[in-house]
Amino acid sequence: MNATEWATFWAFMAFVVFLGILVYMKVPGKIAAWLDQRSERIRRDLEEARRLREEAQALLAEYQRRRQEAEEEAEAIVDQARREAEAIRVDAEQRMGEYIERRTRIVEQRIAQAEVQAVAEVRGRAVDVAAAAASSILAEKGAGDVGQRLVEQSIGQVRSNLN
C-alpha cells in the first residue's frame, strides 16, 4: 500500500472513530431530541397562530356585525329625525296659518268695531245737527197756533206709542 492509500485508510478510520464517539456520547439522540423539541415548538406556534387567526376572524366578524348594526341604527335615527323635522314643519305651518287667520279675524273685528263706532259717531252728529236744526226751525215756526198744534200732535203720538 502506498502512502496515499494509508492516508485515506487512516482518514477513514478517524472518521469511523469520530462517528463512534458521537454515537457513544448519544449525540444523534440529542440531535433528534433537539429536532423533536424544535418541531414541537413550531407545531405549538402554528396552533397558536391558527387559534389567534380564528379569534381575529371572530373579532372581525363581530366588529363588522356591530358596524352594520351601528349603520342601521344611524340610518334609523336619521330617518326618525327627518320624520320629526317634517312633522315640526307641518305643525309650524299649521300654527302659522292659524295665527295669521286669528290675527286677520282680530283685525277684521277691530275694523268692524271702528266702522260701527264711526257710523255711531256720524249718526250721533247727524242727530245732534238734526236736533239743532229742528230746534231752530221749531223755534221759528213754533210760535203761536202752529206751535200749540204741533205740541198737541206730539203728545198724541207719544200716548199712542205708549199704549
N, C-alpha and C. Protein backbone atom coordinates (compact mmCIF):
# COMPACT_ATOMS: atom_id res chain seq x y z
N MET A 1 0.83 -1.16 0.00
CA MET A 1 0.00 0.00 0.00
C MET A 1 0.88 1.23 0.00
N ASN A 2 0.46 2.13 -0.77
CA ASN A 2 1.29 3.31 -0.85
C ASN A 2 0.82 4.33 0.17
N ALA A 3 1.45 5.47 0.26
CA ALA A 3 1.20 6.46 1.30
C ALA A 3 -0.17 7.09 1.13
N THR A 4 -0.64 7.25 -0.07
CA THR A 4 -1.94 7.85 -0.30
C THR A 4 -3.03 6.93 0.20
N GLU A 5 -2.87 5.63 -0.04
CA GLU A 5 -3.88 4.69 0.41
C GLU A 5 -3.89 4.62 1.93
N TRP A 6 -2.68 4.65 2.56
CA TRP A 6 -2.62 4.65 4.01
C TRP A 6 -3.25 5.91 4.58
N ALA A 7 -3.03 7.03 3.98
CA ALA A 7 -3.62 8.28 4.47
C ALA A 7 -5.13 8.22 4.35
N THR A 8 -5.64 7.64 3.26
CA THR A 8 -7.09 7.50 3.06
C THR A 8 -7.64 6.55 4.10
N PHE A 9 -6.90 5.41 4.33
CA PHE A 9 -7.35 4.44 5.32
C PHE A 9 -7.42 5.07 6.69
N TRP A 10 -6.40 5.83 7.12
CA TRP A 10 -6.40 6.44 8.45
C TRP A 10 -7.43 7.57 8.55
N ALA A 11 -7.64 8.25 7.48
CA ALA A 11 -8.69 9.29 7.50
C ALA A 11 -10.05 8.64 7.66
N PHE A 12 -10.23 7.48 6.96
CA PHE A 12 -11.48 6.76 7.09
C PHE A 12 -11.64 6.24 8.49
N MET A 13 -10.59 5.70 9.09
CA MET A 13 -10.63 5.15 10.44
C MET A 13 -10.91 6.28 11.45
N ALA A 14 -10.32 7.45 11.22
CA ALA A 14 -10.57 8.59 12.12
C ALA A 14 -12.03 9.01 12.04
N PHE A 15 -12.54 8.95 10.82
CA PHE A 15 -13.96 9.31 10.63
C PHE A 15 -14.85 8.31 11.33
N VAL A 16 -14.55 7.01 11.25
CA VAL A 16 -15.35 5.97 11.90
C VAL A 16 -15.23 6.13 13.39
N VAL A 17 -14.04 6.43 13.92
CA VAL A 17 -13.87 6.63 15.34
C VAL A 17 -14.67 7.85 15.78
N PHE A 18 -14.60 8.91 14.97
CA PHE A 18 -15.36 10.12 15.29
C PHE A 18 -16.85 9.82 15.35
N LEU A 19 -17.35 9.05 14.38
CA LEU A 19 -18.77 8.67 14.38
C LEU A 19 -19.07 7.79 15.59
N GLY A 20 -18.14 6.91 15.95
CA GLY A 20 -18.32 6.06 17.11
C GLY A 20 -18.42 6.88 18.38
N ILE A 21 -17.55 7.88 18.49
CA ILE A 21 -17.59 8.75 19.66
C ILE A 21 -18.92 9.49 19.71
N LEU A 22 -19.37 9.96 18.55
CA LEU A 22 -20.67 10.65 18.51
C LEU A 22 -21.79 9.74 18.95
N VAL A 23 -21.77 8.47 18.50
CA VAL A 23 -22.81 7.52 18.89
C VAL A 23 -22.68 7.19 20.36
N TYR A 24 -21.43 6.99 20.85
CA TYR A 24 -21.19 6.69 22.25
C TYR A 24 -21.70 7.84 23.14
N MET A 25 -21.51 9.07 22.73
CA MET A 25 -21.93 10.24 23.50
C MET A 25 -23.43 10.54 23.29
N LYS A 26 -24.08 9.71 22.49
CA LYS A 26 -25.52 9.82 22.20
C LYS A 26 -25.86 11.16 21.56
N VAL A 27 -24.98 11.63 20.73
CA VAL A 27 -25.21 12.90 20.02
C VAL A 27 -26.38 12.78 19.04
N PRO A 28 -26.52 11.66 18.28
CA PRO A 28 -27.67 11.60 17.37
C PRO A 28 -29.01 11.65 18.12
N GLY A 29 -29.07 11.05 19.30
CA GLY A 29 -30.29 11.11 20.11
C GLY A 29 -30.57 12.53 20.58
N LYS A 30 -29.48 13.19 20.98
CA LYS A 30 -29.64 14.58 21.43
C LYS A 30 -30.08 15.47 20.26
N ILE A 31 -29.49 15.21 19.10
CA ILE A 31 -29.89 16.00 17.92
C ILE A 31 -31.35 15.70 17.58
N ALA A 32 -31.72 14.40 17.67
CA ALA A 32 -33.11 14.03 17.38
C ALA A 32 -34.04 14.66 18.41
N ALA A 33 -33.64 14.64 19.70
CA ALA A 33 -34.48 15.25 20.75
C ALA A 33 -34.59 16.76 20.51
N TRP A 34 -33.47 17.37 20.15
CA TRP A 34 -33.49 18.81 19.88
C TRP A 34 -34.40 19.12 18.69
N LEU A 35 -34.30 18.29 17.64
CA LEU A 35 -35.16 18.48 16.47
C LEU A 35 -36.62 18.23 16.84
N ASP A 36 -36.87 17.22 17.70
CA ASP A 36 -38.25 16.96 18.14
C ASP A 36 -38.80 18.15 18.95
N GLN A 37 -37.96 18.70 19.85
CA GLN A 37 -38.39 19.86 20.63
C GLN A 37 -38.70 21.05 19.70
N ARG A 38 -37.80 21.22 18.75
CA ARG A 38 -38.00 22.33 17.82
C ARG A 38 -39.28 22.12 17.00
N SER A 39 -39.50 20.89 16.53
CA SER A 39 -40.72 20.63 15.75
C SER A 39 -41.96 20.79 16.63
N GLU A 40 -41.86 20.39 17.91
CA GLU A 40 -42.98 20.58 18.84
C GLU A 40 -43.26 22.08 19.04
N ARG A 41 -42.18 22.86 19.25
CA ARG A 41 -42.34 24.31 19.42
C ARG A 41 -42.96 24.94 18.16
N ILE A 42 -42.51 24.49 17.00
CA ILE A 42 -43.08 25.00 15.74
C ILE A 42 -44.54 24.61 15.63
N ARG A 43 -44.86 23.35 16.00
CA ARG A 43 -46.25 22.89 15.97
C ARG A 43 -47.12 23.74 16.91
N ARG A 44 -46.62 23.99 18.14
CA ARG A 44 -47.38 24.84 19.09
C ARG A 44 -47.54 26.25 18.56
N ASP A 45 -46.48 26.78 17.96
CA ASP A 45 -46.57 28.12 17.38
C ASP A 45 -47.60 28.17 16.26
N LEU A 46 -47.62 27.10 15.45
CA LEU A 46 -48.62 27.04 14.37
C LEU A 46 -50.03 26.95 14.93
N GLU A 47 -50.21 26.11 15.98
CA GLU A 47 -51.53 26.01 16.61
C GLU A 47 -51.94 27.35 17.22
N GLU A 48 -51.00 28.01 17.89
CA GLU A 48 -51.27 29.32 18.48
C GLU A 48 -51.63 30.33 17.38
N ALA A 49 -50.89 30.28 16.29
CA ALA A 49 -51.18 31.19 15.17
C ALA A 49 -52.56 30.89 14.59
N ARG A 50 -52.92 29.60 14.46
CA ARG A 50 -54.23 29.21 13.95
C ARG A 50 -55.33 29.70 14.90
N ARG A 51 -55.08 29.50 16.22
CA ARG A 51 -56.07 29.95 17.21
C ARG A 51 -56.23 31.47 17.16
N LEU A 52 -55.10 32.17 17.09
CA LEU A 52 -55.17 33.64 17.02
C LEU A 52 -55.86 34.10 15.74
N ARG A 53 -55.61 33.39 14.66
CA ARG A 53 -56.27 33.74 13.39
C ARG A 53 -57.78 33.55 13.52
N GLU A 54 -58.20 32.43 14.14
CA GLU A 54 -59.64 32.19 14.33
C GLU A 54 -60.25 33.26 15.22
N GLU A 55 -59.53 33.62 16.30
CA GLU A 55 -60.03 34.68 17.18
C GLU A 55 -60.12 36.00 16.42
N ALA A 56 -59.10 36.28 15.61
CA ALA A 56 -59.11 37.52 14.84
C ALA A 56 -60.28 37.52 13.85
N GLN A 57 -60.54 36.39 13.22
CA GLN A 57 -61.67 36.31 12.30
C GLN A 57 -62.99 36.48 13.04
N ALA A 58 -63.09 35.88 14.22
CA ALA A 58 -64.31 36.04 15.03
C ALA A 58 -64.49 37.50 15.43
N LEU A 59 -63.39 38.15 15.87
CA LEU A 59 -63.47 39.57 16.24
C LEU A 59 -63.83 40.42 15.03
N LEU A 60 -63.24 40.11 13.89
CA LEU A 60 -63.55 40.86 12.67
C LEU A 60 -65.02 40.72 12.33
N ALA A 61 -65.53 39.50 12.40
CA ALA A 61 -66.95 39.27 12.13
C ALA A 61 -67.82 40.04 13.12
N GLU A 62 -67.43 40.02 14.40
CA GLU A 62 -68.19 40.74 15.44
C GLU A 62 -68.18 42.24 15.16
N TYR A 63 -67.01 42.79 14.83
CA TYR A 63 -66.93 44.23 14.57
C TYR A 63 -67.67 44.61 13.29
N GLN A 64 -67.65 43.74 12.31
CA GLN A 64 -68.42 44.02 11.09
C GLN A 64 -69.91 44.00 11.40
N ARG A 65 -70.33 43.05 12.23
CA ARG A 65 -71.75 42.98 12.62
C ARG A 65 -72.13 44.25 13.39
N ARG A 66 -71.26 44.64 14.34
CA ARG A 66 -71.54 45.85 15.12
C ARG A 66 -71.57 47.08 14.24
N ARG A 67 -70.64 47.16 13.28
CA ARG A 67 -70.61 48.30 12.37
C ARG A 67 -71.90 48.35 11.55
N GLN A 68 -72.32 47.18 11.08
CA GLN A 68 -73.57 47.11 10.31
C GLN A 68 -74.75 47.56 11.17
N GLU A 69 -74.80 47.07 12.41
CA GLU A 69 -75.88 47.48 13.32
C GLU A 69 -75.82 48.98 13.58
N ALA A 70 -74.60 49.51 13.77
CA ALA A 70 -74.46 50.95 14.02
C ALA A 70 -74.90 51.75 12.80
N GLU A 71 -74.56 51.28 11.61
CA GLU A 71 -75.00 51.97 10.39
C GLU A 71 -76.52 51.94 10.28
N GLU A 72 -77.11 50.79 10.56
CA GLU A 72 -78.57 50.68 10.51
C GLU A 72 -79.22 51.58 11.55
N GLU A 73 -78.63 51.59 12.75
CA GLU A 73 -79.17 52.45 13.81
C GLU A 73 -79.04 53.92 13.43
N ALA A 74 -77.89 54.29 12.87
CA ALA A 74 -77.70 55.68 12.45
C ALA A 74 -78.69 56.05 11.36
N GLU A 75 -78.92 55.14 10.43
CA GLU A 75 -79.89 55.39 9.37
C GLU A 75 -81.30 55.55 9.95
N ALA A 76 -81.62 54.70 10.92
CA ALA A 76 -82.94 54.80 11.57
C ALA A 76 -83.07 56.13 12.31
N ILE A 77 -81.99 56.55 12.97
CA ILE A 77 -82.02 57.83 13.69
C ILE A 77 -82.21 58.98 12.71
N VAL A 78 -81.50 58.92 11.58
CA VAL A 78 -81.63 59.99 10.57
C VAL A 78 -83.04 60.01 10.01
N ASP A 79 -83.58 58.82 9.72
CA ASP A 79 -84.95 58.75 9.21
C ASP A 79 -85.94 59.31 10.23
N GLN A 80 -85.76 58.94 11.50
CA GLN A 80 -86.63 59.45 12.56
C GLN A 80 -86.52 60.98 12.66
N ALA A 81 -85.29 61.48 12.58
CA ALA A 81 -85.09 62.93 12.64
C ALA A 81 -85.75 63.62 11.46
N ARG A 82 -85.68 63.02 10.28
CA ARG A 82 -86.35 63.60 9.11
C ARG A 82 -87.86 63.62 9.32
N ARG A 83 -88.40 62.50 9.83
CA ARG A 83 -89.85 62.46 10.07
C ARG A 83 -90.25 63.51 11.11
N GLU A 84 -89.46 63.62 12.18
CA GLU A 84 -89.78 64.61 13.21
C GLU A 84 -89.66 66.02 12.66
N ALA A 85 -88.65 66.28 11.85
CA ALA A 85 -88.48 67.60 11.26
C ALA A 85 -89.66 67.93 10.34
N GLU A 86 -90.10 66.95 9.57
CA GLU A 86 -91.25 67.16 8.69
C GLU A 86 -92.51 67.43 9.52
N ALA A 87 -92.67 66.66 10.60
CA ALA A 87 -93.84 66.87 11.47
C ALA A 87 -93.78 68.26 12.11
N ILE A 88 -92.60 68.67 12.53
CA ILE A 88 -92.44 70.01 13.12
C ILE A 88 -92.74 71.08 12.08
N ARG A 89 -92.26 70.86 10.84
CA ARG A 89 -92.51 71.83 9.77
C ARG A 89 -94.02 71.94 9.49
N VAL A 90 -94.68 70.79 9.38
CA VAL A 90 -96.12 70.79 9.12
C VAL A 90 -96.85 71.48 10.27
N ASP A 91 -96.47 71.14 11.51
CA ASP A 91 -97.10 71.76 12.67
C ASP A 91 -96.86 73.26 12.69
N ALA A 92 -95.64 73.67 12.37
CA ALA A 92 -95.32 75.11 12.35
C ALA A 92 -96.14 75.82 11.27
N GLU A 93 -96.25 75.19 10.10
CA GLU A 93 -97.06 75.80 9.04
C GLU A 93 -98.52 75.91 9.48
N GLN A 94 -99.02 74.86 10.12
CA GLN A 94 -100.41 74.88 10.58
C GLN A 94 -100.60 75.97 11.64
N ARG A 95 -99.69 76.02 12.59
CA ARG A 95 -99.79 77.05 13.64
C ARG A 95 -99.68 78.44 13.05
N MET A 96 -98.75 78.60 12.08
CA MET A 96 -98.59 79.91 11.45
C MET A 96 -99.88 80.29 10.72
N GLY A 97 -100.48 79.33 10.02
CA GLY A 97 -101.75 79.59 9.34
C GLY A 97 -102.84 79.99 10.33
N GLU A 98 -102.92 79.25 11.44
CA GLU A 98 -103.91 79.56 12.46
C GLU A 98 -103.64 80.94 13.06
N TYR A 99 -102.38 81.25 13.30
CA TYR A 99 -102.02 82.55 13.87
C TYR A 99 -102.41 83.66 12.91
N ILE A 100 -102.09 83.48 11.64
CA ILE A 100 -102.44 84.51 10.64
C ILE A 100 -103.95 84.65 10.56
N GLU A 101 -104.66 83.54 10.55
CA GLU A 101 -106.12 83.58 10.49
C GLU A 101 -106.69 84.29 11.72
N ARG A 102 -106.16 83.95 12.89
CA ARG A 102 -106.63 84.57 14.13
C ARG A 102 -106.35 86.07 14.11
N ARG A 103 -105.13 86.45 13.71
CA ARG A 103 -104.78 87.87 13.65
C ARG A 103 -105.65 88.60 12.62
N THR A 104 -105.93 87.94 11.50
CA THR A 104 -106.80 88.54 10.47
C THR A 104 -108.19 88.77 11.04
N ARG A 105 -108.73 87.75 11.76
CA ARG A 105 -110.05 87.92 12.36
C ARG A 105 -110.06 89.07 13.37
N ILE A 106 -109.01 89.14 14.18
CA ILE A 106 -108.94 90.23 15.18
C ILE A 106 -108.91 91.58 14.48
N VAL A 107 -108.09 91.68 13.43
CA VAL A 107 -108.01 92.96 12.70
C VAL A 107 -109.34 93.27 12.05
N GLU A 108 -109.99 92.26 11.46
CA GLU A 108 -111.31 92.48 10.85
C GLU A 108 -112.32 92.92 11.90
N GLN A 109 -112.27 92.30 13.09
CA GLN A 109 -113.18 92.70 14.16
C GLN A 109 -112.92 94.15 14.57
N ARG A 110 -111.65 94.52 14.67
CA ARG A 110 -111.31 95.90 15.04
C ARG A 110 -111.80 96.87 13.96
N ILE A 111 -111.62 96.46 12.71
CA ILE A 111 -112.11 97.33 11.61
C ILE A 111 -113.61 97.46 11.68
N ALA A 112 -114.32 96.32 11.93
CA ALA A 112 -115.77 96.35 12.03
C ALA A 112 -116.20 97.22 13.21
N GLN A 113 -115.50 97.10 14.35
CA GLN A 113 -115.82 97.93 15.51
C GLN A 113 -115.59 99.41 15.19
N ALA A 114 -114.49 99.67 14.49
CA ALA A 114 -114.21 101.06 14.12
C ALA A 114 -115.28 101.59 13.19
N GLU A 115 -115.75 100.74 12.25
CA GLU A 115 -116.83 101.15 11.35
C GLU A 115 -118.10 101.44 12.15
N VAL A 116 -118.44 100.52 13.07
CA VAL A 116 -119.65 100.70 13.88
C VAL A 116 -119.53 101.98 14.70
N GLN A 117 -118.35 102.16 15.28
CA GLN A 117 -118.12 103.36 16.09
C GLN A 117 -118.21 104.62 15.22
N ALA A 118 -117.61 104.56 14.03
CA ALA A 118 -117.66 105.72 13.13
C ALA A 118 -119.09 106.02 12.71
N VAL A 119 -119.84 104.94 12.38
CA VAL A 119 -121.24 105.13 11.99
C VAL A 119 -122.02 105.72 13.17
N ALA A 120 -121.74 105.19 14.39
CA ALA A 120 -122.45 105.71 15.57
C ALA A 120 -122.10 107.18 15.79
N GLU A 121 -120.82 107.53 15.60
CA GLU A 121 -120.44 108.93 15.76
C GLU A 121 -121.10 109.81 14.71
N VAL A 122 -121.13 109.30 13.46
CA VAL A 122 -121.77 110.08 12.38
C VAL A 122 -123.25 110.22 12.68
N ARG A 123 -123.89 109.15 13.12
CA ARG A 123 -125.31 109.23 13.44
C ARG A 123 -125.55 110.20 14.61
N GLY A 124 -124.66 110.07 15.59
CA GLY A 124 -124.80 110.98 16.75
C GLY A 124 -124.67 112.43 16.31
N ARG A 125 -123.68 112.68 15.46
CA ARG A 125 -123.52 114.05 14.95
C ARG A 125 -124.73 114.47 14.12
N ALA A 126 -125.18 113.49 13.29
CA ALA A 126 -126.34 113.80 12.44
C ALA A 126 -127.55 114.09 13.30
N VAL A 127 -127.74 113.31 14.38
CA VAL A 127 -128.88 113.55 15.28
C VAL A 127 -128.72 114.91 15.95
N ASP A 128 -127.45 115.19 16.41
CA ASP A 128 -127.23 116.49 17.05
C ASP A 128 -127.52 117.63 16.08
N VAL A 129 -127.03 117.49 14.85
CA VAL A 129 -127.26 118.54 13.85
C VAL A 129 -128.74 118.63 13.53
N ALA A 130 -129.40 117.47 13.38
CA ALA A 130 -130.84 117.47 13.07
C ALA A 130 -131.63 118.07 14.22
N ALA A 131 -131.22 117.70 15.45
CA ALA A 131 -131.94 118.24 16.61
C ALA A 131 -131.74 119.75 16.68
N ALA A 132 -130.53 120.20 16.42
CA ALA A 132 -130.27 121.64 16.45
C ALA A 132 -131.07 122.35 15.36
N ALA A 133 -131.09 121.70 14.15
CA ALA A 133 -131.85 122.31 13.05
C ALA A 133 -133.34 122.30 13.37
N ALA A 134 -133.81 121.17 13.92
CA ALA A 134 -135.24 121.09 14.26
C ALA A 134 -135.57 122.09 15.34
N SER A 135 -134.66 122.25 16.28
CA SER A 135 -134.89 123.19 17.36
C SER A 135 -134.99 124.61 16.82
N SER A 136 -134.08 124.94 15.94
CA SER A 136 -134.14 126.31 15.40
C SER A 136 -135.36 126.48 14.51
N ILE A 137 -135.74 125.45 13.74
CA ILE A 137 -136.93 125.55 12.89
C ILE A 137 -138.17 125.64 13.76
N LEU A 138 -138.22 124.80 14.80
CA LEU A 138 -139.39 124.84 15.69
C LEU A 138 -139.46 126.17 16.44
N ALA A 139 -138.31 126.68 16.76
CA ALA A 139 -138.32 127.96 17.47
C ALA A 139 -138.88 129.05 16.57
N GLU A 140 -138.56 128.97 15.29
CA GLU A 140 -139.05 129.99 14.37
C GLU A 140 -140.53 129.79 14.06
N LYS A 141 -140.90 128.50 13.82
CA LYS A 141 -142.28 128.26 13.39
C LYS A 141 -143.17 127.90 14.57
N GLY A 142 -142.60 127.58 15.69
CA GLY A 142 -143.39 127.09 16.81
C GLY A 142 -144.06 128.18 17.60
N ALA A 143 -143.95 129.33 17.21
CA ALA A 143 -144.59 130.40 17.95
C ALA A 143 -146.06 130.48 17.54
N GLY A 144 -146.92 130.59 18.45
CA GLY A 144 -148.32 130.83 18.17
C GLY A 144 -149.10 129.54 18.04
N ASP A 145 -150.14 129.58 17.15
CA ASP A 145 -151.07 128.46 16.97
C ASP A 145 -150.39 127.22 16.38
N VAL A 146 -149.52 127.46 15.51
CA VAL A 146 -148.83 126.32 14.87
C VAL A 146 -148.04 125.57 15.92
N GLY A 147 -147.38 126.21 16.79
CA GLY A 147 -146.60 125.57 17.85
C GLY A 147 -147.49 124.82 18.81
N GLN A 148 -148.65 125.41 19.15
CA GLN A 148 -149.59 124.75 20.05
C GLN A 148 -150.12 123.47 19.41
N ARG A 149 -150.45 123.55 18.16
CA ARG A 149 -150.97 122.38 17.45
C ARG A 149 -149.90 121.28 17.36
N LEU A 150 -148.66 121.60 17.08
CA LEU A 150 -147.55 120.62 16.99
C LEU A 150 -147.32 119.93 18.33
N VAL A 151 -147.40 120.68 19.44
CA VAL A 151 -147.20 120.11 20.76
C VAL A 151 -148.32 119.12 21.05
N GLU A 152 -149.58 119.45 20.71
CA GLU A 152 -150.70 118.56 20.97
C GLU A 152 -150.59 117.30 20.10
N GLN A 153 -150.17 117.48 18.86
CA GLN A 153 -150.00 116.34 17.96
C GLN A 153 -148.89 115.42 18.47
N SER A 154 -147.81 115.95 18.97
CA SER A 154 -146.70 115.16 19.50
C SER A 154 -147.13 114.41 20.74
N ILE A 155 -147.89 115.03 21.62
CA ILE A 155 -148.37 114.37 22.84
C ILE A 155 -149.28 113.22 22.45
N GLY A 156 -150.08 113.41 21.42
CA GLY A 156 -150.97 112.34 20.95
C GLY A 156 -150.17 111.16 20.42
N GLN A 157 -149.15 111.43 19.70
CA GLN A 157 -148.30 110.34 19.17
C GLN A 157 -147.59 109.60 20.30
N VAL A 158 -147.13 110.31 21.30
CA VAL A 158 -146.46 109.67 22.42
C VAL A 158 -147.44 108.77 23.15
N ARG A 159 -148.71 109.21 23.35
CA ARG A 159 -149.70 108.39 24.04
C ARG A 159 -150.01 107.12 23.22
N SER A 160 -150.15 107.29 21.92
CA SER A 160 -150.46 106.11 21.10
C SER A 160 -149.26 105.13 21.07
N ASN A 161 -148.07 105.65 21.11
CA ASN A 161 -146.88 104.78 21.12
C ASN A 161 -146.72 104.07 22.47
N LEU A 162 -147.13 104.70 23.55
CA LEU A 162 -147.00 104.10 24.85
C LEU A 162 -148.05 103.02 25.09
N ASN A 163 -149.18 103.11 24.46
CA ASN A 163 -150.25 102.12 24.65
C ASN A 163 -150.05 101.00 23.77
